[in-house]
Amino acid sequence: MSNTNRGNDGTYQGGERRSGFGSFVRWAMILGGMLGVIVVVALMMDSGPTAGESAPDGAFDGTVRSIARGVRETSATVGEGFESARESATNLGMVQQIETRLSQDKAVVADGIEVDVEEEGTATLSGLVPSQACKEKAVSLTRDTRGVVRVIDRLAVTPPDRIILAPAAGAVPEVASRPIPRN
């Protein structure tokens, strides 16, 4: 839909509400700035001269610089936190996309496959698969998923069953037929 059909309440024609991570970040930055102003006012009230005292030269300037530095550091920390949250949301979306592709492909048995996406589009596949062909298909589907830059393959092919015959009924194993020496 076109952005020109947007109403004052943030809705588009048809009642869809536009939500975006960018608007959330903008509001968080505004709130962070407001918090900084509150801190500045509180510090000015606490650090001002008491009755009968005069403020030393430059004390007010130093306080303002200190507060400004604190506001900048707080803003940077808030920005980093939101960037981290954005990356986590992106990674979660990629995990869901990969898991959906694996589960929908008939050549892949996805029950034993764990998917993890780390920073910068690195997808890690781990777990057990029934065959080498299934392993290769899972890696291929993951590699071809939008946003995946690199695939770390930790998948293992389940070894074939090993059949061990038990001795016939009533037979005594050779080891048990020897007497056990006692000291």
C-alpha atoms as a PDB file:
ATOM      1  CA  MET A   1       0.000   0.000   0.000  1.00  0.00           C
ATOM      2  CA  SER A   2       1.096   3.553  -0.594  1.00  0.00           C
ATOM      3  CA  ASN A   3       2.401   5.725   2.244  1.00  0.00           C
ATOM      4  CA  THR A   4       0.190   8.550   0.998  1.00  0.00           C
ATOM      5  CA  ASN A   5      -2.900   6.763   2.354  1.00  0.00           C
ATOM      6  CA  ARG A   6      -1.653   7.049   5.917  1.00  0.00           C
ATOM      7  CA  GLY A   7      -3.989   8.673   8.427  1.00  0.00           C
ATOM      8  CA  ASN A   8      -3.233  10.758  11.532  1.00  0.00           C
ATOM      9  CA  ASP A   9      -3.502   7.699  13.769  1.00  0.00           C
ATOM     10  CA  GLY A  10      -0.665   5.841  12.009  1.00  0.00           C
ATOM     11  CA  THR A  11      -2.991   3.529  10.082  1.00  0.00           C
ATOM     12  CA  TYR A  12      -3.219   2.846   6.387  1.00  0.00           C
ATOM     13  CA  GLN A  13      -6.322   2.213   4.354  1.00  0.00           C
ATOM     14  CA  GLY A  14      -7.762  -1.082   5.496  1.00  0.00           C
ATOM     15  CA  GLY A  15      -6.780  -0.492   9.131  1.00  0.00           C
ATOM     16  CA  GLU A  16      -3.205  -1.814   8.947  1.00  0.00           C
ATOM     17  CA  ARG A  17      -0.961  -0.153  11.501  1.00  0.00           C
ATOM     18  CA  ARG A  18       2.593   0.462  10.451  1.00  0.00           C
ATOM     19  CA  SER A  19       5.138  -0.564  13.020  1.00  0.00           C
ATOM     20  CA  GLY A  20       8.862  -0.445  12.564  1.00  0.00           C
ATOM     21  CA  PHE A  21      11.941  -0.901  14.653  1.00  0.00           C
ATOM     22  CA  GLY A  22      13.240   2.490  13.490  1.00  0.00           C
ATOM     23  CA  SER A  23      10.375   4.385  15.122  1.00  0.00           C
ATOM     24  CA  PHE A  24      10.991   2.444  18.331  1.00  0.00           C
ATOM     25  CA  VAL A  25      14.645   3.515  18.287  1.00  0.00           C
ATOM     26  CA  ARG A  26      13.676   7.146  17.689  1.00  0.00           C
ATOM     27  CA  TRP A  27      11.326   7.119  20.673  1.00  0.00           C
ATOM     28  CA  ALA A  28      13.942   5.427  22.830  1.00  0.00           C
ATOM     29  CA  MET A  29      16.482   8.103  21.904  1.00  0.00           C
ATOM     30  CA  ILE A  30      13.968  10.836  22.754  1.00  0.00           C
ATOM     31  CA  LEU A  31      13.301   9.218  26.117  1.00  0.00           C
ATOM     32  CA  GLY A  32      17.041   8.895  26.710  1.00  0.00           C
ATOM     33  CA  GLY A  33      17.478  12.589  26.000  1.00  0.00           C
ATOM     34  CA  MET A  34      14.666  13.444  28.397  1.00  0.00           C
ATOM     35  CA  LEU A  35      16.337  11.294  31.050  1.00  0.00           C
ATOM     36  CA  GLY A  36      19.571  13.194  30.450  1.00  0.00           C
ATOM     37  CA  VAL A  37      17.819  16.532  31.005  1.00  0.00           C
ATOM     38  CA  ILE A  38      16.331  15.255  34.254  1.00  0.00           C
ATOM     39  CA  VAL A  39      19.776  14.130  35.425  1.00  0.00           C
ATOM     40  CA  VAL A  40      21.260  17.512  34.518  1.00  0.00           C
ATOM     41  CA  VAL A  41      18.622  19.374  36.504  1.00  0.00           C
ATOM     42  CA  ALA A  42      19.006  17.069  39.498  1.00  0.00           C
ATOM     43  CA  LEU A  43      22.789  17.417  39.519  1.00  0.00           C
ATOM     44  CA  MET A  44      22.572  21.194  39.212  1.00  0.00           C
ATOM     45  CA  MET A  45      20.251  21.309  42.181  1.00  0.00           C
ATOM     46  CA  ASP A  46      22.518  19.050  44.281  1.00  0.00           C
ATOM     47  CA  SER A  47      25.855  20.599  43.304  1.00  0.00           C
ATOM     48  CA  GLY A  48      24.896  24.261  43.639  1.00  0.00           C
ATOM     49  CA  PRO A  49      26.347  26.426  46.407  1.00  0.00           C
ATOM     50  CA  THR A  50      24.580  26.349  49.762  1.00  0.00           C
ATOM     51  CA  ALA A  51      23.369  29.471  51.526  1.00  0.00           C
ATOM     52  CA  GLY A  52      26.232  31.862  52.228  1.00  0.00           C
ATOM     53  CA  GLU A  53      28.668  30.106  49.832  1.00  0.00           C
ATOM     54  CA  SER A  54      29.726  31.206  46.400  1.00  0.00           C
ATOM     55  CA  ALA A  55      30.371  28.865  43.497  1.00  0.00           C
ATOM     56  CA  PRO A  56      34.066  28.457  42.620  1.00  0.00           C
ATOM     57  CA  ASP A  57      35.121  29.663  39.180  1.00  0.00           C
ATOM     58  CA  GLY A  58      34.554  27.030  36.499  1.00  0.00           C
ATOM     59  CA  ALA A  59      32.641  24.629  38.786  1.00  0.00           C
ATOM     60  CA  PHE A  60      29.448  25.118  36.821  1.00  0.00           C
ATOM     61  CA  ASP A  61      31.250  24.603  33.486  1.00  0.00           C
ATOM     62  CA  GLY A  62      32.862  21.406  34.767  1.00  0.00           C
ATOM     63  CA  THR A  63      29.513  20.104  35.981  1.00  0.00           C
ATOM     64  CA  VAL A  64      27.877  20.834  32.633  1.00  0.00           C
ATOM     65  CA  ARG A  65      30.714  19.117  30.731  1.00  0.00           C
ATOM     66  CA  SER A  66      30.496  16.107  33.034  1.00  0.00           C
ATOM     67  CA  ILE A  67      26.747  15.890  32.572  1.00  0.00           C
ATOM     68  CA  ALA A  68      27.040  16.284  28.803  1.00  0.00           C
ATOM     69  CA  ARG A  69      29.600  13.456  28.730  1.00  0.00           C
ATOM     70  CA  GLY A  70      27.245  11.274  30.796  1.00  0.00           C
ATOM     71  CA  VAL A  71      24.355  11.998  28.424  1.00  0.00           C
ATOM     72  CA  ARG A  72      26.517  11.116  25.390  1.00  0.00           C
ATOM     73  CA  GLU A  73      27.664   7.871  27.017  1.00  0.00           C
ATOM     74  CA  THR A  74      24.088   6.989  27.973  1.00  0.00           C
ATOM     75  CA  SER A  75      22.874   7.692  24.447  1.00  0.00           C
ATOM     76  CA  ALA A  76      25.654   5.540  22.998  1.00  0.00           C
ATOM     77  CA  THR A  77      24.822   2.699  25.394  1.00  0.00           C
ATOM     78  CA  VAL A  78      21.121   2.897  24.538  1.00  0.00           C
ATOM     79  CA  GLY A  79      21.958   2.927  20.820  1.00  0.00           C
ATOM     80  CA  GLU A  80      24.204  -0.135  21.201  1.00  0.00           C
ATOM     81  CA  GLY A  81      21.463  -1.934  23.123  1.00  0.00           C
ATOM     82  CA  PHE A  82      18.930  -1.288  20.403  1.00  0.00           C
ATOM     83  CA  GLU A  83      21.382  -2.348  17.703  1.00  0.00           C
ATOM     84  CA  SER A  84      21.946  -5.583  19.601  1.00  0.00           C
ATOM     85  CA  ALA A  85      18.184  -6.111  19.890  1.00  0.00           C
ATOM     86  CA  ARG A  86      17.773  -5.455  16.163  1.00  0.00           C
ATOM     87  CA  GLU A  87      20.491  -8.003  15.344  1.00  0.00           C
ATOM     88  CA  SER A  88      18.888 -10.574  17.665  1.00  0.00           C
ATOM     89  CA  ALA A  89      15.521 -10.082  15.971  1.00  0.00           C
ATOM     90  CA  THR A  90      17.139 -10.465  12.547  1.00  0.00           C
ATOM     91  CA  ASN A  91      18.936 -13.637  13.652  1.00  0.00           C
ATOM     92  CA  LEU A  92      15.714 -15.097  15.068  1.00  0.00           C
ATOM     93  CA  GLY A  93      13.937 -14.389  11.773  1.00  0.00           C
ATOM     94  CA  MET A  94      16.714 -16.144   9.859  1.00  0.00           C
ATOM     95  CA  VAL A  95      16.525 -19.163  12.205  1.00  0.00           C
ATOM     96  CA  GLN A  96      12.787 -19.422  11.569  1.00  0.00           C
ATOM     97  CA  GLN A  97      13.309 -19.090   7.816  1.00  0.00           C
ATOM     98  CA  ILE A  98      15.955 -21.843   7.763  1.00  0.00           C
ATOM     99  CA  GLU A  99      13.899 -24.173   9.981  1.00  0.00           C
ATOM    100  CA  THR A 100      10.868 -23.682   7.744  1.00  0.00           C
ATOM    101  CA  ARG A 101      12.879 -24.472   4.609  1.00  0.00           C
ATOM    102  CA  LEU A 102      14.370 -27.598   6.200  1.00  0.00           C
ATOM    103  CA  SER A 103      11.034 -28.892   7.482  1.00  0.00           C
ATOM    104  CA  GLN A 104       9.268 -28.334   4.151  1.00  0.00           C
ATOM    105  CA  ASP A 105      11.820 -30.228   2.068  1.00  0.00           C
ATOM    106  CA  LYS A 106      10.960 -33.916   1.754  1.00  0.00           C
ATOM    107  CA  ALA A 107      14.624 -34.902   1.275  1.00  0.00           C
ATOM    108  CA  VAL A 108      15.558 -33.556   4.719  1.00  0.00           C
ATOM    109  CA  VAL A 109      14.685 -35.142   8.049  1.00  0.00           C
ATOM    110  CA  ALA A 110      14.778 -31.937  10.105  1.00  0.00           C
ATOM    111  CA  ASP A 111      13.761 -33.409  13.481  1.00  0.00           C
ATOM    112  CA  GLY A 112      17.357 -33.893  14.614  1.00  0.00           C
ATOM    113  CA  ILE A 113      18.742 -30.624  13.232  1.00  0.00           C
ATOM    114  CA  GLU A 114      19.365 -27.605  15.453  1.00  0.00           C
ATOM    115  CA  VAL A 115      19.788 -24.219  13.769  1.00  0.00           C
ATOM    116  CA  ASP A 116      21.587 -21.238  15.296  1.00  0.00           C
ATOM    117  CA  VAL A 117      22.369 -17.912  13.619  1.00  0.00           C
ATOM    118  CA  GLU A 118      25.125 -15.726  14.995  1.00  0.00           C
ATOM    119  CA  GLU A 119      26.337 -12.286  14.041  1.00  0.00           C
ATOM    120  CA  GLU A 120      26.827 -11.292  10.444  1.00  0.00           C
ATOM    121  CA  GLY A 121      24.707 -14.094   8.966  1.00  0.00           C
ATOM    122  CA  THR A 122      26.664 -17.110  10.203  1.00  0.00           C
ATOM    123  CA  ALA A 123      24.320 -20.112  10.446  1.00  0.00           C
ATOM    124  CA  THR A 124      25.338 -23.197  12.425  1.00  0.00           C
ATOM    125  CA  LEU A 125      23.701 -26.568  11.803  1.00  0.00           C
ATOM    126  CA  SER A 126      24.190 -29.277  14.418  1.00  0.00           C
ATOM    127  CA  GLY A 127      22.638 -32.608  15.247  1.00  0.00           C
ATOM    128  CA  LEU A 128      22.149 -36.010  13.648  1.00  0.00           C
ATOM    129  CA  VAL A 129      20.826 -36.755  10.172  1.00  0.00           C
ATOM    130  CA  PRO A 130      20.062 -40.190   8.699  1.00  0.00           C
ATOM    131  CA  SER A 131      22.228 -39.927   5.555  1.00  0.00           C
ATOM    132  CA  GLN A 132      24.968 -37.983   3.795  1.00  0.00           C
ATOM    133  CA  ALA A 133      22.449 -36.850   1.152  1.00  0.00           C
ATOM    134  CA  CYS A 134      20.200 -35.409   3.873  1.00  0.00           C
ATOM    135  CA  LYS A 135      23.195 -33.594   5.373  1.00  0.00           C
ATOM    136  CA  GLU A 136      24.221 -32.088   2.032  1.00  0.00           C
ATOM    137  CA  LYS A 137      20.644 -30.975   1.264  1.00  0.00           C
ATOM    138  CA  ALA A 138      20.306 -29.299   4.683  1.00  0.00           C
ATOM    139  CA  VAL A 139      23.569 -27.406   4.192  1.00  0.00           C
ATOM    140  CA  SER A 140      22.535 -26.397   0.665  1.00  0.00           C
ATOM    141  CA  LEU A 141      19.110 -25.120   1.769  1.00  0.00           C
ATOM    142  CA  THR A 142      20.695 -23.154   4.612  1.00  0.00           C
ATOM    143  CA  ARG A 143      23.377 -21.650   2.371  1.00  0.00           C
ATOM    144  CA  ASP A 144      20.705 -20.515  -0.125  1.00  0.00           C
ATOM    145  CA  THR A 145      18.608 -18.763   2.534  1.00  0.00           C
ATOM    146  CA  ARG A 146      18.461 -14.983   2.235  1.00  0.00           C
ATOM    147  CA  GLY A 147      20.798 -13.275   4.714  1.00  0.00           C
ATOM    148  CA  VAL A 148      23.025 -16.304   5.322  1.00  0.00           C
ATOM    149  CA  VAL A 149      26.640 -15.475   4.534  1.00  0.00           C
ATOM    150  CA  ARG A 150      28.366 -18.552   5.963  1.00  0.00           C
ATOM    151  CA  VAL A 151      27.275 -22.032   7.127  1.00  0.00           C
ATOM    152  CA  ILE A 152      29.061 -23.973   9.846  1.00  0.00           C
ATOM    153  CA  ASP A 153      28.262 -27.658   9.354  1.00  0.00           C
ATOM    154  CA  ARG A 154      28.295 -29.638  12.606  1.00  0.00           C
ATOM    155  CA  LEU A 155      25.857 -32.253  11.359  1.00  0.00           C
ATOM    156  CA  ALA A 156      26.760 -35.896  11.834  1.00  0.00           C
ATOM    157  CA  VAL A 157      25.393 -38.838   9.912  1.00  0.00           C
ATOM    158  CA  THR A 158      23.872 -41.467  12.187  1.00  0.00           C
ATOM    159  CA  PRO A 159      26.042 -44.584  12.013  1.00  0.00           C
ATOM    160  CA  PRO A 160      24.366 -47.764  10.792  1.00  0.00           C
ATOM    161  CA  ASP A 161      22.965 -50.124  13.403  1.00  0.00           C
ATOM    162  CA  ARG A 162      25.480 -52.625  14.719  1.00  0.00           C
ATOM    163  CA  ILE A 163      24.032 -56.088  15.221  1.00  0.00           C
ATOM    164  CA  ILE A 164      25.636 -58.220  17.921  1.00  0.00           C
ATOM    165  CA  LEU A 165      24.472 -61.794  18.310  1.00  0.00           C
ATOM    166  CA  ALA A 166      23.921 -63.067  21.827  1.00  0.00           C
ATOM    167  CA  PRO A 167      25.065 -66.599  22.787  1.00  0.00           C
ATOM    168  CA  ALA A 168      22.509 -69.369  22.428  1.00  0.00           C
ATOM    169  CA  ALA A 169      20.267 -70.088  25.397  1.00  0.00           C
ATOM    170  CA  GLY A 170      22.021 -72.172  28.052  1.00  0.00           C
ATOM    171  CA  ALA A 171      25.481 -71.566  26.645  1.00  0.00           C
ATOM    172  CA  VAL A 172      28.057 -70.322  29.103  1.00  0.00           C
ATOM    173  CA  PRO A 173      30.405 -67.660  27.834  1.00  0.00           C
ATOM    174  CA  GLU A 174      34.014 -68.798  27.675  1.00  0.00           C
ATOM    175  CA  VAL A 175      35.245 -66.163  30.130  1.00  0.00           C
ATOM    176  CA  ALA A 176      32.777 -67.286  32.801  1.00  0.00           C
ATOM    177  CA  SER A 177      33.781 -70.965  32.562  1.00  0.00           C
ATOM    178  CA  ARG A 178      37.299 -70.393  33.901  1.00  0.00           C
ATOM    179  CA  PRO A 179      37.734 -70.452  37.656  1.00  0.00           C
ATOM    180  CA  ILE A 180      38.437 -67.112  39.253  1.00  0.00           C
ATOM    181  CA  PRO A 181      41.717 -67.239  41.225  1.00  0.00           C
ATOM    182  CA  ARG A 182      41.491 -66.076  44.852  1.00  0.00           C
ATOM    183  CA  ASN A 183      44.398 -64.679  46.766  1.00  0.00           C
END
